[in-house]
Structure formats: structure tokens, C-alpha cells
Amino acid sequence: MGKQIEIELVRSINGTPRWMRTVVRTLGLRRLHHRRLMPDNNAVRGMIKRVSHLVALRERES
């Protein structure tokens, strides 16, 4: 397995546009402080960039 990213939802999605809520849900984050391991690839990085003010990430080597 390659590198992975741990993503955590640190800010609420209340009051955000629908497309931001869709991106957060696509990343698999359901509630505040929910964490998820995702593969480190361009698609995931692009989604994180769109909602970077709502999430925190840590890189992990697996």
C-alpha cells in the first residue's frame, strides 16, 4: 500500500454551500471530528483543497 492521508472534519458544514457539503460527504466525513483514512492521490488532494478550511489532514505512511 502507498501513502495515506488521515482527514478530520474540524469545522461544521452548517451554512456552507451545497457543493461543499457534497465534497465533505464524498470524502466520507459525516460529523464533526470524524476521521477517515484515504489514499494519497490527486483526486483526494483536489477535494481537500476545495474544503481545506473545514478539514485537517495528516499524512501517514502505510
PDB file of N, CA and C in Angstrom:
ATOM      1  N   MET A   1       0.827  -1.188   0.000  1.00  0.00           N
ATOM      2  CA  MET A   1       0.000   0.000   0.000  1.00  0.00           C
ATOM      3  C   MET A   1       0.869   1.249   0.000  1.00  0.00           C
ATOM      4  N   GLY A   2       0.384   2.303  -0.602  1.00  0.00           N
ATOM      5  CA  GLY A   2       1.129   3.545  -0.665  1.00  0.00           C
ATOM      6  C   GLY A   2       0.817   4.454   0.503  1.00  0.00           C
ATOM      7  N   LYS A   3       1.093   5.713   0.296  1.00  0.00           N
ATOM      8  CA  LYS A   3       0.828   6.691   1.344  1.00  0.00           C
ATOM      9  C   LYS A   3      -0.670   6.882   1.522  1.00  0.00           C
ATOM     10  N   GLN A   4      -1.033   7.218   2.736  1.00  0.00           N
ATOM     11  CA  GLN A   4      -2.421   7.520   3.038  1.00  0.00           C
ATOM     12  C   GLN A   4      -2.502   8.840   3.783  1.00  0.00           C
ATOM     13  N   ILE A   5      -3.683   9.437   3.736  1.00  0.00           N
ATOM     14  CA  ILE A   5      -3.937  10.708   4.409  1.00  0.00           C
ATOM     15  C   ILE A   5      -5.057  10.487   5.404  1.00  0.00           C
ATOM     16  N   GLU A   6      -4.867  10.978   6.619  1.00  0.00           N
ATOM     17  CA  GLU A   6      -5.937  10.957   7.607  1.00  0.00           C
ATOM     18  C   GLU A   6      -6.596  12.331   7.589  1.00  0.00           C
ATOM     19  N   ILE A   7      -7.901  12.360   7.306  1.00  0.00           N
ATOM     20  CA  ILE A   7      -8.643  13.605   7.187  1.00  0.00           C
ATOM     21  C   ILE A   7      -9.607  13.695   8.365  1.00  0.00           C
ATOM     22  N   GLU A   8      -9.692  14.877   8.972  1.00  0.00           N
ATOM     23  CA  GLU A   8     -10.621  15.091  10.079  1.00  0.00           C
ATOM     24  C   GLU A   8     -11.452  16.333   9.805  1.00  0.00           C
ATOM     25  N   LEU A   9     -12.759  16.245  10.015  1.00  0.00           N
ATOM     26  CA  LEU A   9     -13.644  17.400   9.866  1.00  0.00           C
ATOM     27  C   LEU A   9     -13.554  18.227  11.138  1.00  0.00           C
ATOM     28  N   VAL A  10     -12.999  19.440  11.043  1.00  0.00           N
ATOM     29  CA  VAL A  10     -12.771  20.270  12.224  1.00  0.00           C
ATOM     30  C   VAL A  10     -13.712  21.472  12.305  1.00  0.00           C
ATOM     31  N   ARG A  11     -14.420  21.765  11.223  1.00  0.00           N
ATOM     32  CA  ARG A  11     -15.406  22.845  11.243  1.00  0.00           C
ATOM     33  C   ARG A  11     -16.717  22.331  10.681  1.00  0.00           C
ATOM     34  N   SER A  12     -17.785  22.900  11.171  1.00  0.00           N
ATOM     35  CA  SER A  12     -19.114  22.454  10.780  1.00  0.00           C
ATOM     36  C   SER A  12     -19.416  22.830   9.337  1.00  0.00           C
ATOM     37  N   ILE A  13     -20.262  22.018   8.704  1.00  0.00           N
ATOM     38  CA  ILE A  13     -20.673  22.302   7.334  1.00  0.00           C
ATOM     39  C   ILE A  13     -21.980  23.095   7.304  1.00  0.00           C
ATOM     40  N   ASN A  14     -22.523  23.427   8.480  1.00  0.00           N
ATOM     41  CA  ASN A  14     -23.733  24.245   8.524  1.00  0.00           C
ATOM     42  C   ASN A  14     -23.466  25.606   7.905  1.00  0.00           C
ATOM     43  N   GLY A  15     -24.345  26.031   7.035  1.00  0.00           N
ATOM     44  CA  GLY A  15     -24.220  27.343   6.402  1.00  0.00           C
ATOM     45  C   GLY A  15     -23.290  27.375   5.205  1.00  0.00           C
ATOM     46  N   THR A  16     -22.757  26.235   4.819  1.00  0.00           N
ATOM     47  CA  THR A  16     -21.880  26.203   3.645  1.00  0.00           C
ATOM     48  C   THR A  16     -22.726  25.897   2.412  1.00  0.00           C
ATOM     49  N   PRO A  17     -22.224  26.238   1.240  1.00  0.00           N
ATOM     50  CA  PRO A  17     -22.956  25.909   0.010  1.00  0.00           C
ATOM     51  C   PRO A  17     -23.105  24.397  -0.166  1.00  0.00           C
ATOM     52  N   ARG A  18     -24.084  24.004  -0.937  1.00  0.00           N
ATOM     53  CA  ARG A  18     -24.381  22.580  -1.145  1.00  0.00           C
ATOM     54  C   ARG A  18     -23.182  21.833  -1.719  1.00  0.00           C
ATOM     55  N   TRP A  19     -22.429  22.453  -2.628  1.00  0.00           N
ATOM     56  CA  TRP A  19     -21.307  21.747  -3.241  1.00  0.00           C
ATOM     57  C   TRP A  19     -20.225  21.417  -2.211  1.00  0.00           C
ATOM     58  N   MET A  20     -20.044  22.281  -1.199  1.00  0.00           N
ATOM     59  CA  MET A  20     -19.057  21.985  -0.151  1.00  0.00           C
ATOM     60  C   MET A  20     -19.513  20.813   0.709  1.00  0.00           C
ATOM     61  N   ARG A  21     -20.790  20.773   1.030  1.00  0.00           N
ATOM     62  CA  ARG A  21     -21.325  19.648   1.805  1.00  0.00           C
ATOM     63  C   ARG A  21     -21.170  18.349   1.028  1.00  0.00           C
ATOM     64  N   THR A  22     -21.374  18.414  -0.288  1.00  0.00           N
ATOM     65  CA  THR A  22     -21.220  17.230  -1.130  1.00  0.00           C
ATOM     66  C   THR A  22     -19.772  16.746  -1.121  1.00  0.00           C
ATOM     67  N   VAL A  23     -18.822  17.665  -1.201  1.00  0.00           N
ATOM     68  CA  VAL A  23     -17.402  17.284  -1.188  1.00  0.00           C
ATOM     69  C   VAL A  23     -17.048  16.631   0.145  1.00  0.00           C
ATOM     70  N   VAL A  24     -17.509  17.216   1.252  1.00  0.00           N
ATOM     71  CA  VAL A  24     -17.205  16.662   2.572  1.00  0.00           C
ATOM     72  C   VAL A  24     -17.798  15.260   2.712  1.00  0.00           C
ATOM     73  N   ARG A  25     -19.016  15.076   2.247  1.00  0.00           N
ATOM     74  CA  ARG A  25     -19.641  13.751   2.321  1.00  0.00           C
ATOM     75  C   ARG A  25     -18.943  12.756   1.406  1.00  0.00           C
ATOM     76  N   THR A  26     -18.475  13.211   0.252  1.00  0.00           N
ATOM     77  CA  THR A  26     -17.747  12.341  -0.662  1.00  0.00           C
ATOM     78  C   THR A  26     -16.431  11.873  -0.046  1.00  0.00           C
ATOM     79  N   LEU A  27     -15.829  12.722   0.769  1.00  0.00           N
ATOM     80  CA  LEU A  27     -14.614  12.323   1.484  1.00  0.00           C
ATOM     81  C   LEU A  27     -14.922  11.325   2.596  1.00  0.00           C
ATOM     82  N   GLY A  28     -16.198  11.123   2.906  1.00  0.00           N
ATOM     83  CA  GLY A  28     -16.580  10.148   3.915  1.00  0.00           C
ATOM     84  C   GLY A  28     -16.698  10.713   5.311  1.00  0.00           C
ATOM     85  N   LEU A  29     -16.718  12.033   5.423  1.00  0.00           N
ATOM     86  CA  LEU A  29     -16.806  12.669   6.736  1.00  0.00           C
ATOM     87  C   LEU A  29     -18.266  12.977   7.038  1.00  0.00           C
ATOM     88  N   ARG A  30     -18.750  12.483   8.161  1.00  0.00           N
ATOM     89  CA  ARG A  30     -20.174  12.589   8.462  1.00  0.00           C
ATOM     90  C   ARG A  30     -20.505  13.572   9.561  1.00  0.00           C
ATOM     91  N   ARG A  31     -19.634  13.710  10.526  1.00  0.00           N
ATOM     92  CA  ARG A  31     -19.927  14.600  11.644  1.00  0.00           C
ATOM     93  C   ARG A  31     -18.635  15.274  12.109  1.00  0.00           C
ATOM     94  N   LEU A  32     -18.752  16.244  12.958  1.00  0.00           N
ATOM     95  CA  LEU A  32     -17.604  16.984  13.462  1.00  0.00           C
ATOM     96  C   LEU A  32     -16.625  16.046  14.170  1.00  0.00           C
ATOM     97  N   HIS A  33     -15.348  16.208  13.907  1.00  0.00           N
ATOM     98  CA  HIS A  33     -14.242  15.421  14.467  1.00  0.00           C
ATOM     99  C   HIS A  33     -14.241  13.968  13.997  1.00  0.00           C
ATOM    100  N   HIS A  34     -14.970  13.682  12.935  1.00  0.00           N
ATOM    101  CA  HIS A  34     -14.936  12.352  12.320  1.00  0.00           C
ATOM    102  C   HIS A  34     -13.660  12.259  11.497  1.00  0.00           C
ATOM    103  N   ARG A  35     -12.958  11.134  11.608  1.00  0.00           N
ATOM    104  CA  ARG A  35     -11.703  10.936  10.881  1.00  0.00           C
ATOM    105  C   ARG A  35     -11.857   9.817   9.871  1.00  0.00           C
ATOM    106  N   ARG A  36     -11.050   9.917   8.815  1.00  0.00           N
ATOM    107  CA  ARG A  36     -11.128   8.921   7.745  1.00  0.00           C
ATOM    108  C   ARG A  36      -9.762   8.787   7.099  1.00  0.00           C
ATOM    109  N   LEU A  37      -9.360   7.575   6.804  1.00  0.00           N
ATOM    110  CA  LEU A  37      -8.129   7.319   6.056  1.00  0.00           C
ATOM    111  C   LEU A  37      -8.473   7.206   4.585  1.00  0.00           C
ATOM    112  N   MET A  38      -7.759   7.955   3.768  1.00  0.00           N
ATOM    113  CA  MET A  38      -7.982   7.955   2.323  1.00  0.00           C
ATOM    114  C   MET A  38      -6.632   7.782   1.635  1.00  0.00           C
ATOM    115  N   PRO A  39      -6.637   7.232   0.419  1.00  0.00           N
ATOM    116  CA  PRO A  39      -5.377   7.130  -0.324  1.00  0.00           C
ATOM    117  C   PRO A  39      -4.890   8.521  -0.742  1.00  0.00           C
ATOM    118  N   ASP A  40      -3.592   8.664  -0.787  1.00  0.00           N
ATOM    119  CA  ASP A  40      -2.998   9.937  -1.186  1.00  0.00           C
ATOM    120  C   ASP A  40      -2.884   9.966  -2.706  1.00  0.00           C
ATOM    121  N   ASN A  41      -3.893  10.535  -3.371  1.00  0.00           N
ATOM    122  CA  ASN A  41      -3.846  10.666  -4.822  1.00  0.00           C
ATOM    123  C   ASN A  41      -4.388  12.044  -5.213  1.00  0.00           C
ATOM    124  N   ASN A  42      -4.302  12.351  -6.487  1.00  0.00           N
ATOM    125  CA  ASN A  42      -4.678  13.691  -6.952  1.00  0.00           C
ATOM    126  C   ASN A  42      -6.156  13.997  -6.744  1.00  0.00           C
ATOM    127  N   ALA A  43      -7.025  13.017  -6.896  1.00  0.00           N
ATOM    128  CA  ALA A  43      -8.456  13.249  -6.727  1.00  0.00           C
ATOM    129  C   ALA A  43      -8.781  13.653  -5.288  1.00  0.00           C
ATOM    130  N   VAL A  44      -8.226  12.936  -4.347  1.00  0.00           N
ATOM    131  CA  VAL A  44      -8.475  13.242  -2.931  1.00  0.00           C
ATOM    132  C   VAL A  44      -7.843  14.580  -2.570  1.00  0.00           C
ATOM    133  N   ARG A  45      -6.639  14.826  -3.049  1.00  0.00           N
ATOM    134  CA  ARG A  45      -5.981  16.110  -2.770  1.00  0.00           C
ATOM    135  C   ARG A  45      -6.794  17.291  -3.319  1.00  0.00           C
ATOM    136  N   GLY A  46      -7.391  17.109  -4.484  1.00  0.00           N
ATOM    137  CA  GLY A  46      -8.211  18.163  -5.074  1.00  0.00           C
ATOM    138  C   GLY A  46      -9.446  18.447  -4.240  1.00  0.00           C
ATOM    139  N   MET A  47     -10.085  17.394  -3.723  1.00  0.00           N
ATOM    140  CA  MET A  47     -11.262  17.590  -2.870  1.00  0.00           C
ATOM    141  C   MET A  47     -10.879  18.286  -1.572  1.00  0.00           C
ATOM    142  N   ILE A  48      -9.741  17.897  -1.003  1.00  0.00           N
ATOM    143  CA  ILE A  48      -9.284  18.524   0.236  1.00  0.00           C
ATOM    144  C   ILE A  48      -8.992  20.002   0.006  1.00  0.00           C
ATOM    145  N   LYS A  49      -8.415  20.322  -1.131  1.00  0.00           N
ATOM    146  CA  LYS A  49      -8.099  21.716  -1.429  1.00  0.00           C
ATOM    147  C   LYS A  49      -9.355  22.579  -1.490  1.00  0.00           C
ATOM    148  N   ARG A  50     -10.463  22.013  -2.002  1.00  0.00           N
ATOM    149  CA  ARG A  50     -11.708  22.766  -2.117  1.00  0.00           C
ATOM    150  C   ARG A  50     -12.325  23.088  -0.751  1.00  0.00           C
ATOM    151  N   VAL A  51     -12.103  22.222   0.246  1.00  0.00           N
ATOM    152  CA  VAL A  51     -12.698  22.426   1.574  1.00  0.00           C
ATOM    153  C   VAL A  51     -11.615  22.475   2.655  1.00  0.00           C
ATOM    154  N   SER A  52     -10.464  23.010   2.309  1.00  0.00           N
ATOM    155  CA  SER A  52      -9.322  22.997   3.226  1.00  0.00           C
ATOM    156  C   SER A  52      -9.586  23.755   4.524  1.00  0.00           C
ATOM    157  N   HIS A  53     -10.494  24.714   4.501  1.00  0.00           N
ATOM    158  CA  HIS A  53     -10.806  25.476   5.707  1.00  0.00           C
ATOM    159  C   HIS A  53     -11.727  24.703   6.653  1.00  0.00           C
ATOM    160  N   LEU A  54     -12.255  23.566   6.209  1.00  0.00           N
ATOM    161  CA  LEU A  54     -13.157  22.756   7.035  1.00  0.00           C
ATOM    162  C   LEU A  54     -12.486  21.497   7.581  1.00  0.00           C
ATOM    163  N   VAL A  55     -11.371  21.099   6.987  1.00  0.00           N
ATOM    164  CA  VAL A  55     -10.745  19.832   7.359  1.00  0.00           C
ATOM    165  C   VAL A  55      -9.295  20.036   7.795  1.00  0.00           C
ATOM    166  N   ALA A  56      -8.798  19.054   8.546  1.00  0.00           N
ATOM    167  CA  ALA A  56      -7.378  18.986   8.902  1.00  0.00           C
ATOM    168  C   ALA A  56      -6.869  17.657   8.390  1.00  0.00           C
ATOM    169  N   LEU A  57      -5.617  17.610   7.973  1.00  0.00           N
ATOM    170  CA  LEU A  57      -5.100  16.358   7.454  1.00  0.00           C
ATOM    171  C   LEU A  57      -3.720  16.061   8.001  1.00  0.00           C
ATOM    172  N   ARG A  58      -3.453  14.762   8.081  1.00  0.00           N
ATOM    173  CA  ARG A  58      -2.146  14.253   8.483  1.00  0.00           C
ATOM    174  C   ARG A  58      -1.734  13.188   7.481  1.00  0.00           C
ATOM    175  N   GLU A  59      -0.496  13.210   7.091  1.00  0.00           N
ATOM    176  CA  GLU A  59      -0.007  12.186   6.157  1.00  0.00           C
ATOM    177  C   GLU A  59       0.491  10.998   6.951  1.00  0.00           C
ATOM    178  N   ARG A  60       0.173   9.799   6.466  1.00  0.00           N
ATOM    179  CA  ARG A  60       0.607   8.565   7.123  1.00  0.00           C
ATOM    180  C   ARG A  60       1.298   7.679   6.099  1.00  0.00           C
ATOM    181  N   GLU A  61       2.299   6.979   6.559  1.00  0.00           N
ATOM    182  CA  GLU A  61       2.996   6.010   5.713  1.00  0.00           C
ATOM    183  C   GLU A  61       2.519   4.623   6.108  1.00  0.00           C
ATOM    184  N   SER A  62       1.984   3.875   5.148  1.00  0.00           N
ATOM    185  CA  SER A  62       1.480   2.536   5.465  1.00  0.00           C
ATOM    186  C   SER A  62       2.272   1.485   4.729  1.00  0.00           C
TER     187      SER A  62
END
